[in-house]
Structure formats: structure tokens, C-alpha cells
Amino acid sequence: AQSVVERRNTIPILANVLIEAEGDTASFRATDLDIEVVDRIPAKVD
């Protein structure tokens, strides 16, 4: 995720990773508006 985000950008949200937790999976989504990567990993979601 951090290698996709742009270090220097004028839109603060683009420096962030979106974490979504549901069921037994957590997904991490990052974008610079040209590339989007989503990584899904097993997690214990309370």
C-alpha cells in the first residue's frame, strides 16, 4: 500500500490506506488515482 501512495500530493486522503474488516478478512486498499492495489489478508475480526 505505501509504495502505491504518492508521497507528495495535494489531496490528503491519497496518502492514506483504506482498511476494511469483515468476516475473517481485512483488506488494505491504496491508490494514487492511476493505480489501485487491494491486498486481502486473514484476520480475527471482532
All heavy atoms as atom14 arrays in JSON, in Angstrom:
{
  "sequence": "AQSVVERRNTIPILANVLIEAEGDTASFRATDLDIEVVDRIPAKVD",
  "atom14_mask": [
    [1, 1, 1, 1, 1, 0, 0, 0, 0, 0, 0, 0, 0, 0],
    [1, 1, 1, 1, 1, 1, 1, 1, 1, 0, 0, 0, 0, 0],
    [1, 1, 1, 1, 1, 1, 0, 0, 0, 0, 0, 0, 0, 0],
    [1, 1, 1, 1, 1, 1, 1, 0, 0, 0, 0, 0, 0, 0],
    [1, 1, 1, 1, 1, 1, 1, 0, 0, 0, 0, 0, 0, 0],
    [1, 1, 1, 1, 1, 1, 1, 1, 1, 0, 0, 0, 0, 0],
    [1, 1, 1, 1, 1, 1, 1, 1, 1, 1, 1, 0, 0, 0],
    [1, 1, 1, 1, 1, 1, 1, 1, 1, 1, 1, 0, 0, 0],
    [1, 1, 1, 1, 1, 1, 1, 1, 0, 0, 0, 0, 0, 0],
    [1, 1, 1, 1, 1, 1, 1, 0, 0, 0, 0, 0, 0, 0],
    [1, 1, 1, 1, 1, 1, 1, 1, 0, 0, 0, 0, 0, 0],
    [1, 1, 1, 1, 1, 1, 1, 0, 0, 0, 0, 0, 0, 0],
    [1, 1, 1, 1, 1, 1, 1, 1, 0, 0, 0, 0, 0, 0],
    [1, 1, 1, 1, 1, 1, 1, 1, 0, 0, 0, 0, 0, 0],
    [1, 1, 1, 1, 1, 0, 0, 0, 0, 0, 0, 0, 0, 0],
    [1, 1, 1, 1, 1, 1, 1, 1, 0, 0, 0, 0, 0, 0],
    [1, 1, 1, 1, 1, 1, 1, 0, 0, 0, 0, 0, 0, 0],
    [1, 1, 1, 1, 1, 1, 1, 1, 0, 0, 0, 0, 0, 0],
    [1, 1, 1, 1, 1, 1, 1, 1, 0, 0, 0, 0, 0, 0],
    [1, 1, 1, 1, 1, 1, 1, 1, 1, 0, 0, 0, 0, 0],
    [1, 1, 1, 1, 1, 0, 0, 0, 0, 0, 0, 0, 0, 0],
    [1, 1, 1, 1, 1, 1, 1, 1, 1, 0, 0, 0, 0, 0],
    [1, 1, 1, 1, 0, 0, 0, 0, 0, 0, 0, 0, 0, 0],
    [1, 1, 1, 1, 1, 1, 1, 1, 0, 0, 0, 0, 0, 0],
    [1, 1, 1, 1, 1, 1, 1, 0, 0, 0, 0, 0, 0, 0],
    [1, 1, 1, 1, 1, 0, 0, 0, 0, 0, 0, 0, 0, 0],
    [1, 1, 1, 1, 1, 1, 0, 0, 0, 0, 0, 0, 0, 0],
    [1, 1, 1, 1, 1, 1, 1, 1, 1, 1, 1, 0, 0, 0],
    [1, 1, 1, 1, 1, 1, 1, 1, 1, 1, 1, 0, 0, 0],
    [1, 1, 1, 1, 1, 0, 0, 0, 0, 0, 0, 0, 0, 0],
    [1, 1, 1, 1, 1, 1, 1, 0, 0, 0, 0, 0, 0, 0],
    [1, 1, 1, 1, 1, 1, 1, 1, 0, 0, 0, 0, 0, 0],
    [1, 1, 1, 1, 1, 1, 1, 1, 0, 0, 0, 0, 0, 0],
    [1, 1, 1, 1, 1, 1, 1, 1, 0, 0, 0, 0, 0, 0],
    [1, 1, 1, 1, 1, 1, 1, 1, 0, 0, 0, 0, 0, 0],
    [1, 1, 1, 1, 1, 1, 1, 1, 1, 0, 0, 0, 0, 0],
    [1, 1, 1, 1, 1, 1, 1, 0, 0, 0, 0, 0, 0, 0],
    [1, 1, 1, 1, 1, 1, 1, 0, 0, 0, 0, 0, 0, 0],
    [1, 1, 1, 1, 1, 1, 1, 1, 0, 0, 0, 0, 0, 0],
    [1, 1, 1, 1, 1, 1, 1, 1, 1, 1, 1, 0, 0, 0],
    [1, 1, 1, 1, 1, 1, 1, 1, 0, 0, 0, 0, 0, 0],
    [1, 1, 1, 1, 1, 1, 1, 0, 0, 0, 0, 0, 0, 0],
    [1, 1, 1, 1, 1, 0, 0, 0, 0, 0, 0, 0, 0, 0],
    [1, 1, 1, 1, 1, 1, 1, 1, 1, 0, 0, 0, 0, 0],
    [1, 1, 1, 1, 1, 1, 1, 0, 0, 0, 0, 0, 0, 0],
    [1, 1, 1, 1, 1, 1, 1, 1, 0, 0, 0, 0, 0, 0]
  ],
  "atom14_positions": [
    [[0.82, -1.22, 0.0], [0.0, 0.0, 0.0], [0.85, 1.26, 0.0], [0.62, 2.19, -0.79], [-0.94, 0.0, 1.21], [0.0, 0.0, 0.0], [0.0, 0.0, 0.0], [0.0, 0.0, 0.0], [0.0, 0.0, 0.0], [0.0, 0.0, 0.0], [0.0, 0.0, 0.0], [0.0, 0.0, 0.0], [0.0, 0.0, 0.0], [0.0, 0.0, 0.0]],
    [[1.86, 1.3, 0.87], [2.64, 2.55, 0.99], [3.49, 2.81, -0.25], [3.87, 3.93, -0.51], [3.48, 2.55, 2.27], [4.58, 1.51, 2.35], [5.89, 1.96, 1.77], [6.22, 3.13, 1.83], [6.64, 1.02, 1.2], [0.0, 0.0, 0.0], [0.0, 0.0, 0.0], [0.0, 0.0, 0.0], [0.0, 0.0, 0.0], [0.0, 0.0, 0.0]],
    [[3.8, 1.76, -1.03], [4.59, 2.01, -2.24], [3.72, 2.57, -3.37], [4.23, 3.16, -4.31], [5.31, 0.74, -2.7], [4.4, -0.23, -3.14], [0.0, 0.0, 0.0], [0.0, 0.0, 0.0], [0.0, 0.0, 0.0], [0.0, 0.0, 0.0], [0.0, 0.0, 0.0], [0.0, 0.0, 0.0], [0.0, 0.0, 0.0], [0.0, 0.0, 0.0]],
    [[2.4, 2.37, -3.27], [1.49, 2.91, -4.29], [1.16, 4.37, -4.03], [1.09, 5.18, -4.95], [0.19, 2.07, -4.37], [-0.88, 2.78, -5.2], [0.48, 0.7, -4.97], [0.0, 0.0, 0.0], [0.0, 0.0, 0.0], [0.0, 0.0, 0.0], [0.0, 0.0, 0.0], [0.0, 0.0, 0.0], [0.0, 0.0, 0.0], [0.0, 0.0, 0.0]],
    [[0.96, 4.74, -2.75], [0.55, 6.12, -2.45], [1.64, 7.09, -2.86], [2.83, 6.78, -2.78], [0.2, 6.32, -0.95], [-0.94, 5.43, -0.52], [1.4, 6.12, -0.05], [0.0, 0.0, 0.0], [0.0, 0.0, 0.0], [0.0, 0.0, 0.0], [0.0, 0.0, 0.0], [0.0, 0.0, 0.0], [0.0, 0.0, 0.0], [0.0, 0.0, 0.0]],
    [[1.22, 8.28, -3.29], [2.18, 9.32, -3.69], [2.64, 10.06, -2.44], [1.81, 10.51, -1.63], [1.51, 10.3, -4.66], [1.37, 9.76, -6.07], [2.71, 9.56, -6.76], [3.7, 10.16, -6.32], [2.76, 8.77, -7.72], [0.0, 0.0, 0.0], [0.0, 0.0, 0.0], [0.0, 0.0, 0.0], [0.0, 0.0, 0.0], [0.0, 0.0, 0.0]],
    [[3.96, 10.17, -2.27], [4.49, 10.87, -1.09], [4.09, 12.36, -1.1], [3.74, 12.92, -0.08], [6.02, 10.79, -1.08], [6.57, 9.4, -0.86], [6.36, 8.95, 0.59], [7.16, 7.77, 0.91], [6.82, 6.53, 0.61], [5.7, 6.31, -0.05], [7.58, 5.52, 0.95], [0.0, 0.0, 0.0], [0.0, 0.0, 0.0], [0.0, 0.0, 0.0]],
    [[4.19, 12.97, -2.27], [3.88, 14.4, -2.36], [2.56, 14.55, -3.11], [2.52, 14.44, -4.34], [4.98, 15.15, -3.1], [6.33, 15.05, -2.43], [7.41, 15.79, -3.21], [7.6, 15.24, -4.55], [8.33, 14.16, -4.8], [8.91, 13.51, -3.82], [8.46, 13.72, -6.03], [0.0, 0.0, 0.0], [0.0, 0.0, 0.0], [0.0, 0.0, 0.0]],
    [[1.5, 14.78, -2.38], [0.24, 15.05, -3.09], [-0.56, 16.11, -2.35], [-0.33, 16.37, -1.17], [-0.58, 13.76, -3.28], [-1.03, 13.16, -1.97], [-1.73, 13.82, -1.21], [-0.63, 11.93, -1.71], [0.0, 0.0, 0.0], [0.0, 0.0, 0.0], [0.0, 0.0, 0.0], [0.0, 0.0, 0.0], [0.0, 0.0, 0.0], [0.0, 0.0, 0.0]],
    [[-1.46, 16.74, -3.08], [-2.23, 17.84, -2.51], [-3.56, 17.36, -1.93], [-4.3, 18.14, -1.37], [-2.5, 18.91, -3.59], [-3.09, 18.25, -4.73], [-1.22, 19.59, -4.02], [0.0, 0.0, 0.0], [0.0, 0.0, 0.0], [0.0, 0.0, 0.0], [0.0, 0.0, 0.0], [0.0, 0.0, 0.0], [0.0, 0.0, 0.0], [0.0, 0.0, 0.0]],
    [[-3.86, 16.07, -2.1], [-5.12, 15.52, -1.58], [-4.77, 14.6, -0.41], [-4.26, 13.49, -0.62], [-5.89, 14.74, -2.69], [-6.0, 15.59, -3.95], [-7.25, 14.3, -2.2], [-6.46, 14.83, -5.18], [0.0, 0.0, 0.0], [0.0, 0.0, 0.0], [0.0, 0.0, 0.0], [0.0, 0.0, 0.0], [0.0, 0.0, 0.0], [0.0, 0.0, 0.0]],
    [[-5.0, 15.03, 0.83], [-4.55, 14.27, 2.0], [-5.01, 12.81, 2.01], [-4.26, 11.93, 2.4], [-5.14, 15.05, 3.18], [-5.34, 16.43, 2.66], [-5.64, 16.3, 1.21], [0.0, 0.0, 0.0], [0.0, 0.0, 0.0], [0.0, 0.0, 0.0], [0.0, 0.0, 0.0], [0.0, 0.0, 0.0], [0.0, 0.0, 0.0], [0.0, 0.0, 0.0]],
    [[-6.21, 12.54, 1.54], [-6.74, 11.17, 1.6], [-5.92, 10.2, 0.76], [-5.87, 9.0, 1.04], [-8.25, 11.15, 1.17], [-8.93, 9.83, 1.57], [-8.41, 11.37, -0.32], [-9.38, 9.75, 2.97], [0.0, 0.0, 0.0], [0.0, 0.0, 0.0], [0.0, 0.0, 0.0], [0.0, 0.0, 0.0], [0.0, 0.0, 0.0], [0.0, 0.0, 0.0]],
    [[-5.23, 10.72, -0.28], [-4.44, 9.84, -1.14], [-3.18, 9.32, -0.45], [-2.52, 8.41, -0.95], [-4.06, 10.55, -2.44], [-5.2, 10.82, -3.43], [-4.67, 11.47, -4.69], [-5.95, 9.54, -3.78], [0.0, 0.0, 0.0], [0.0, 0.0, 0.0], [0.0, 0.0, 0.0], [0.0, 0.0, 0.0], [0.0, 0.0, 0.0], [0.0, 0.0, 0.0]],
    [[-2.82, 9.91, 0.69], [-1.67, 9.41, 1.46], [-2.1, 8.28, 2.39], [-1.28, 7.67, 3.06], [-1.06, 10.54, 2.27], [0.0, 0.0, 0.0], [0.0, 0.0, 0.0], [0.0, 0.0, 0.0], [0.0, 0.0, 0.0], [0.0, 0.0, 0.0], [0.0, 0.0, 0.0], [0.0, 0.0, 0.0], [0.0, 0.0, 0.0], [0.0, 0.0, 0.0]],
    [[-3.41, 8.01, 2.42], [-3.94, 7.02, 3.36], [-4.21, 5.67, 2.71], [-4.38, 5.57, 1.5], [-5.25, 7.53, 3.99], [-4.99, 8.56, 5.08], [-3.88, 9.1, 5.17], [-5.97, 8.83, 5.91], [0.0, 0.0, 0.0], [0.0, 0.0, 0.0], [0.0, 0.0, 0.0], [0.0, 0.0, 0.0], [0.0, 0.0, 0.0], [0.0, 0.0, 0.0]],
    [[-4.27, 4.65, 3.56], [-4.69, 3.31, 3.14], [-6.08, 3.08, 3.73], [-6.35, 3.45, 4.88], [-3.68, 2.23, 3.59], [-3.45, 2.25, 5.1], [-4.13, 0.85, 3.15], [0.0, 0.0, 0.0], [0.0, 0.0, 0.0], [0.0, 0.0, 0.0], [0.0, 0.0, 0.0], [0.0, 0.0, 0.0], [0.0, 0.0, 0.0], [0.0, 0.0, 0.0]],
    [[-6.98, 2.52, 2.92], [-8.34, 2.21, 3.39], [-8.33, 0.79, 3.96], [-8.02, -0.17, 3.25], [-9.33, 2.32, 2.23], [-10.76, 1.81, 2.48], [-11.45, 2.58, 3.59], [-11.61, 1.89, 1.21], [0.0, 0.0, 0.0], [0.0, 0.0, 0.0], [0.0, 0.0, 0.0], [0.0, 0.0, 0.0], [0.0, 0.0, 0.0], [0.0, 0.0, 0.0]],
    [[-8.63, 0.67, 5.25], [-8.68, -0.64, 5.91], [-10.15, -1.02, 6.07], [-10.95, -0.27, 6.63], [-8.01, -0.59, 7.3], [-6.59, -0.02, 7.2], [-8.0, -1.97, 7.95], [-5.93, 0.27, 8.54], [0.0, 0.0, 0.0], [0.0, 0.0, 0.0], [0.0, 0.0, 0.0], [0.0, 0.0, 0.0], [0.0, 0.0, 0.0], [0.0, 0.0, 0.0]],
    [[-10.51, -2.18, 5.53], [-11.89, -2.67, 5.64], [-11.84, -4.07, 6.27], [-11.13, -4.94, 5.79], [-12.55, -2.76, 4.26], [-12.67, -1.39, 3.58], [-13.14, -1.5, 2.13], [-12.35, -1.99, 1.3], [-14.29, -1.11, 1.86], [0.0, 0.0, 0.0], [0.0, 0.0, 0.0], [0.0, 0.0, 0.0], [0.0, 0.0, 0.0], [0.0, 0.0, 0.0]],
    [[-12.58, -4.25, 7.38], [-12.58, -5.54, 8.09], [-13.99, -6.12, 8.1], [-14.95, -5.44, 8.46], [-12.08, -5.35, 9.51], [0.0, 0.0, 0.0], [0.0, 0.0, 0.0], [0.0, 0.0, 0.0], [0.0, 0.0, 0.0], [0.0, 0.0, 0.0], [0.0, 0.0, 0.0], [0.0, 0.0, 0.0], [0.0, 0.0, 0.0], [0.0, 0.0, 0.0]],
    [[-14.08, -7.38, 7.68], [-15.38, -8.06, 7.66], [-15.15, -9.57, 7.62], [-14.19, -10.04, 6.98], [-16.18, -7.65, 6.41], [-17.66, -7.92, 6.55], [-18.46, -7.38, 5.36], [-17.95, -6.53, 4.61], [-19.59, -7.85, 5.19], [0.0, 0.0, 0.0], [0.0, 0.0, 0.0], [0.0, 0.0, 0.0], [0.0, 0.0, 0.0], [0.0, 0.0, 0.0]],
    [[-16.01, -10.33, 8.32], [-15.87, -11.79, 8.33], [-14.55, -12.19, 8.96], [-14.27, -11.82, 10.11], [0.0, 0.0, 0.0], [0.0, 0.0, 0.0], [0.0, 0.0, 0.0], [0.0, 0.0, 0.0], [0.0, 0.0, 0.0], [0.0, 0.0, 0.0], [0.0, 0.0, 0.0], [0.0, 0.0, 0.0], [0.0, 0.0, 0.0], [0.0, 0.0, 0.0]],
    [[-13.72, -12.88, 8.2], [-12.4, -13.26, 8.72], [-11.29, -12.69, 7.86], [-10.2, -13.24, 7.75], [-12.28, -14.78, 8.82], [-12.53, -15.46, 7.48], [-12.76, -14.73, 6.48], [-12.48, -16.7, 7.42], [0.0, 0.0, 0.0], [0.0, 0.0, 0.0], [0.0, 0.0, 0.0], [0.0, 0.0, 0.0], [0.0, 0.0, 0.0], [0.0, 0.0, 0.0]],
    [[-11.59, -11.54, 7.2], [-10.63, -10.93, 6.28], [-10.52, -9.43, 6.51], [-11.51, -8.75, 6.78], [-11.07, -11.18, 4.81], [-11.25, -12.56, 4.61], [-10.04, -10.66, 3.82], [0.0, 0.0, 0.0], [0.0, 0.0, 0.0], [0.0, 0.0, 0.0], [0.0, 0.0, 0.0], [0.0, 0.0, 0.0], [0.0, 0.0, 0.0], [0.0, 0.0, 0.0]],
    [[-9.29, -8.93, 6.38], [-9.08, -7.47, 6.37], [-8.5, -7.12, 5.01], [-7.61, -7.82, 4.51], [-8.12, -7.07, 7.47], [0.0, 0.0, 0.0], [0.0, 0.0, 0.0], [0.0, 0.0, 0.0], [0.0, 0.0, 0.0], [0.0, 0.0, 0.0], [0.0, 0.0, 0.0], [0.0, 0.0, 0.0], [0.0, 0.0, 0.0], [0.0, 0.0, 0.0]],
    [[-9.03, -6.08, 4.39], [-8.46, -5.66, 3.1], [-7.85, -4.27, 3.25], [-8.36, -3.42, 3.98], [-9.52, -5.68, 1.99], [-10.45, -4.67, 2.17], [0.0, 0.0, 0.0], [0.0, 0.0, 0.0], [0.0, 0.0, 0.0], [0.0, 0.0, 0.0], [0.0, 0.0, 0.0], [0.0, 0.0, 0.0], [0.0, 0.0, 0.0], [0.0, 0.0, 0.0]],
    [[-6.73, -4.08, 2.54], [-5.99, -2.83, 2.58], [-5.94, -2.28, 1.16], [-5.39, -2.92, 0.27], [-4.57, -3.08, 3.12], [-4.57, -3.51, 4.56], [-4.9, -4.81, 4.92], [-4.26, -2.6, 5.56], [-4.93, -5.21, 6.25], [-4.27, -3.0, 6.9], [-4.61, -4.3, 7.25], [0.0, 0.0, 0.0], [0.0, 0.0, 0.0], [0.0, 0.0, 0.0]],
    [[-6.53, -1.1, 0.96], [-6.67, -0.53, -0.38], [-5.92, 0.8, -0.44], [-6.08, 1.65, 0.43], [-8.16, -0.31, -0.68], [-8.47, 0.14, -2.11], [-9.96, 0.47, -2.24], [-10.8, -0.66, -1.98], [-11.35, -1.47, -2.9], [-11.11, -1.23, -4.17], [-12.12, -2.48, -2.55], [0.0, 0.0, 0.0], [0.0, 0.0, 0.0], [0.0, 0.0, 0.0]],
    [[-5.08, 0.96, -1.48], [-4.35, 2.22, -1.67], [-4.44, 2.63, -3.13], [-4.55, 1.78, -4.02], [-2.89, 2.05, -1.26], [0.0, 0.0, 0.0], [0.0, 0.0, 0.0], [0.0, 0.0, 0.0], [0.0, 0.0, 0.0], [0.0, 0.0, 0.0], [0.0, 0.0, 0.0], [0.0, 0.0, 0.0], [0.0, 0.0, 0.0], [0.0, 0.0, 0.0]],
    [[-4.39, 3.94, -3.38], [-4.48, 4.42, -4.77], [-3.75, 5.75, -4.93], [-3.6, 6.5, -3.96], [-5.95, 4.59, -5.19], [-6.01, 4.95, -6.58], [-6.67, 5.68, -4.39], [0.0, 0.0, 0.0], [0.0, 0.0, 0.0], [0.0, 0.0, 0.0], [0.0, 0.0, 0.0], [0.0, 0.0, 0.0], [0.0, 0.0, 0.0], [0.0, 0.0, 0.0]],
    [[-3.28, 6.01, -6.15], [-2.77, 7.35, -6.49], [-3.62, 7.94, -7.61], [-3.2, 8.87, -8.3], [-1.29, 7.29, -6.89], [-1.06, 6.48, -8.17], [-2.04, 5.97, -8.73], [0.1, 6.39, -8.62], [0.0, 0.0, 0.0], [0.0, 0.0, 0.0], [0.0, 0.0, 0.0], [0.0, 0.0, 0.0], [0.0, 0.0, 0.0], [0.0, 0.0, 0.0]],
    [[-4.81, 7.38, -7.8], [-5.8, 7.72, -8.84], [-5.47, 7.1, -10.19], [-6.32, 7.06, -11.08], [-6.01, 9.24, -8.98], [-6.55, 9.95, -7.74], [-6.74, 11.45, -8.02], [-7.87, 9.35, -7.27], [0.0, 0.0, 0.0], [0.0, 0.0, 0.0], [0.0, 0.0, 0.0], [0.0, 0.0, 0.0], [0.0, 0.0, 0.0], [0.0, 0.0, 0.0]],
    [[-4.23, 6.62, -10.39], [-3.88, 5.91, -11.62], [-3.76, 4.41, -11.38], [-4.05, 3.6, -12.24], [-2.56, 6.43, -12.2], [-2.71, 7.84, -12.76], [-3.78, 8.13, -13.34], [-1.78, 8.64, -12.59], [0.0, 0.0, 0.0], [0.0, 0.0, 0.0], [0.0, 0.0, 0.0], [0.0, 0.0, 0.0], [0.0, 0.0, 0.0], [0.0, 0.0, 0.0]],
    [[-3.27, 4.05, -10.18], [-3.13, 2.64, -9.79], [-3.93, 2.43, -8.51], [-3.95, 3.31, -7.64], [-1.65, 2.29, -9.47], [-0.74, 2.6, -10.66], [-1.51, 0.83, -9.07], [0.73, 2.42, -10.33], [0.0, 0.0, 0.0], [0.0, 0.0, 0.0], [0.0, 0.0, 0.0], [0.0, 0.0, 0.0], [0.0, 0.0, 0.0], [0.0, 0.0, 0.0]],
    [[-4.56, 1.27, -8.42], [-5.22, 0.9, -7.17], [-4.79, -0.52, -6.82], [-4.81, -1.41, -7.67], [-6.74, 0.95, -7.31], [-7.47, 0.55, -6.04], [-8.98, 0.43, -6.26], [-9.43, -0.62, -6.76], [-9.69, 1.38, -5.92], [0.0, 0.0, 0.0], [0.0, 0.0, 0.0], [0.0, 0.0, 0.0], [0.0, 0.0, 0.0], [0.0, 0.0, 0.0]],
    [[-4.36, -0.71, -5.56], [-4.0, -2.07, -5.13], [-4.84, -2.44, -3.91], [-5.06, -1.61, -3.04], [-2.48, -2.18, -4.84], [-2.06, -1.34, -3.66], [-2.07, -3.62, -4.63], [0.0, 0.0, 0.0], [0.0, 0.0, 0.0], [0.0, 0.0, 0.0], [0.0, 0.0, 0.0], [0.0, 0.0, 0.0], [0.0, 0.0, 0.0], [0.0, 0.0, 0.0]],
    [[-5.36, -3.67, -3.93], [-6.15, -4.17, -2.79], [-5.49, -5.47, -2.34], [-5.32, -6.39, -3.14], [-7.62, -4.44, -3.18], [-8.43, -4.85, -1.96], [-8.25, -3.23, -3.86], [0.0, 0.0, 0.0], [0.0, 0.0, 0.0], [0.0, 0.0, 0.0], [0.0, 0.0, 0.0], [0.0, 0.0, 0.0], [0.0, 0.0, 0.0], [0.0, 0.0, 0.0]],
    [[-5.13, -5.51, -1.07], [-4.49, -6.71, -0.51], [-5.4, -7.26, 0.58], [-5.73, -6.56, 1.54], [-3.13, -6.31, 0.09], [-2.17, -7.49, 0.15], [-2.67, -8.62, 0.29], [-0.95, -7.27, 0.07], [0.0, 0.0, 0.0], [0.0, 0.0, 0.0], [0.0, 0.0, 0.0], [0.0, 0.0, 0.0], [0.0, 0.0, 0.0], [0.0, 0.0, 0.0]],
    [[-5.81, -8.54, 0.43], [-6.7, -9.17, 1.4], [-5.91, -10.17, 2.23], [-5.23, -11.02, 1.68], [-7.86, -9.89, 0.69], [-8.82, -8.94, 0.01], [-9.75, -9.67, -0.95], [-9.03, -10.08, -2.15], [-8.79, -9.29, -3.2], [-9.24, -8.07, -3.19], [-8.11, -9.73, -4.24], [0.0, 0.0, 0.0], [0.0, 0.0, 0.0], [0.0, 0.0, 0.0]],
    [[-6.02, -10.06, 3.57], [-5.29, -10.99, 4.43], [-6.21, -11.52, 5.53], [-7.15, -10.84, 5.95], [-4.03, -10.35, 5.06], [-4.38, -9.05, 5.8], [-2.97, -10.09, 4.03], [-3.2, -8.43, 6.52], [0.0, 0.0, 0.0], [0.0, 0.0, 0.0], [0.0, 0.0, 0.0], [0.0, 0.0, 0.0], [0.0, 0.0, 0.0], [0.0, 0.0, 0.0]],
    [[-5.95, -12.75, 6.01], [-6.77, -13.31, 7.08], [-6.61, -12.49, 8.36], [-5.5, -12.04, 8.68], [-6.21, -14.73, 7.28], [-5.28, -14.96, 6.14], [-4.87, -13.64, 5.61], [0.0, 0.0, 0.0], [0.0, 0.0, 0.0], [0.0, 0.0, 0.0], [0.0, 0.0, 0.0], [0.0, 0.0, 0.0], [0.0, 0.0, 0.0], [0.0, 0.0, 0.0]],
    [[-7.69, -12.29, 9.07], [-7.64, -11.52, 10.32], [-8.73, -12.02, 11.26], [-9.73, -12.6, 10.83], [-7.86, -10.03, 10.03], [0.0, 0.0, 0.0], [0.0, 0.0, 0.0], [0.0, 0.0, 0.0], [0.0, 0.0, 0.0], [0.0, 0.0, 0.0], [0.0, 0.0, 0.0], [0.0, 0.0, 0.0], [0.0, 0.0, 0.0], [0.0, 0.0, 0.0]],
    [[-8.53, -11.8, 12.55], [-9.58, -12.1, 13.54], [-10.35, -10.8, 13.74], [-9.84, -9.85, 14.33], [-8.94, -12.57, 14.85], [-9.95, -12.94, 15.92], [-9.24, -13.47, 17.16], [-10.24, -13.8, 18.26], [-10.86, -12.6, 18.86], [0.0, 0.0, 0.0], [0.0, 0.0, 0.0], [0.0, 0.0, 0.0], [0.0, 0.0, 0.0], [0.0, 0.0, 0.0]],
    [[-11.54, -10.75, 13.17], [-12.33, -9.52, 13.21], [-13.35, -9.6, 14.35], [-14.29, -10.39, 14.32], [-13.04, -9.27, 11.85], [-13.88, -7.99, 11.91], [-12.04, -9.2, 10.71], [0.0, 0.0, 0.0], [0.0, 0.0, 0.0], [0.0, 0.0, 0.0], [0.0, 0.0, 0.0], [0.0, 0.0, 0.0], [0.0, 0.0, 0.0], [0.0, 0.0, 0.0]],
    [[-13.14, -8.76, 15.36], [-14.09, -8.73, 16.49], [-15.24, -7.77, 16.2], [-16.36, -7.98, 16.66], [-13.36, -8.28, 17.77], [-12.29, -9.28, 18.18], [-12.55, -10.49, 18.03], [-11.2, -8.86, 18.61], [0.0, 0.0, 0.0], [0.0, 0.0, 0.0], [0.0, 0.0, 0.0], [0.0, 0.0, 0.0], [0.0, 0.0, 0.0], [0.0, 0.0, 0.0]]
  ]
}
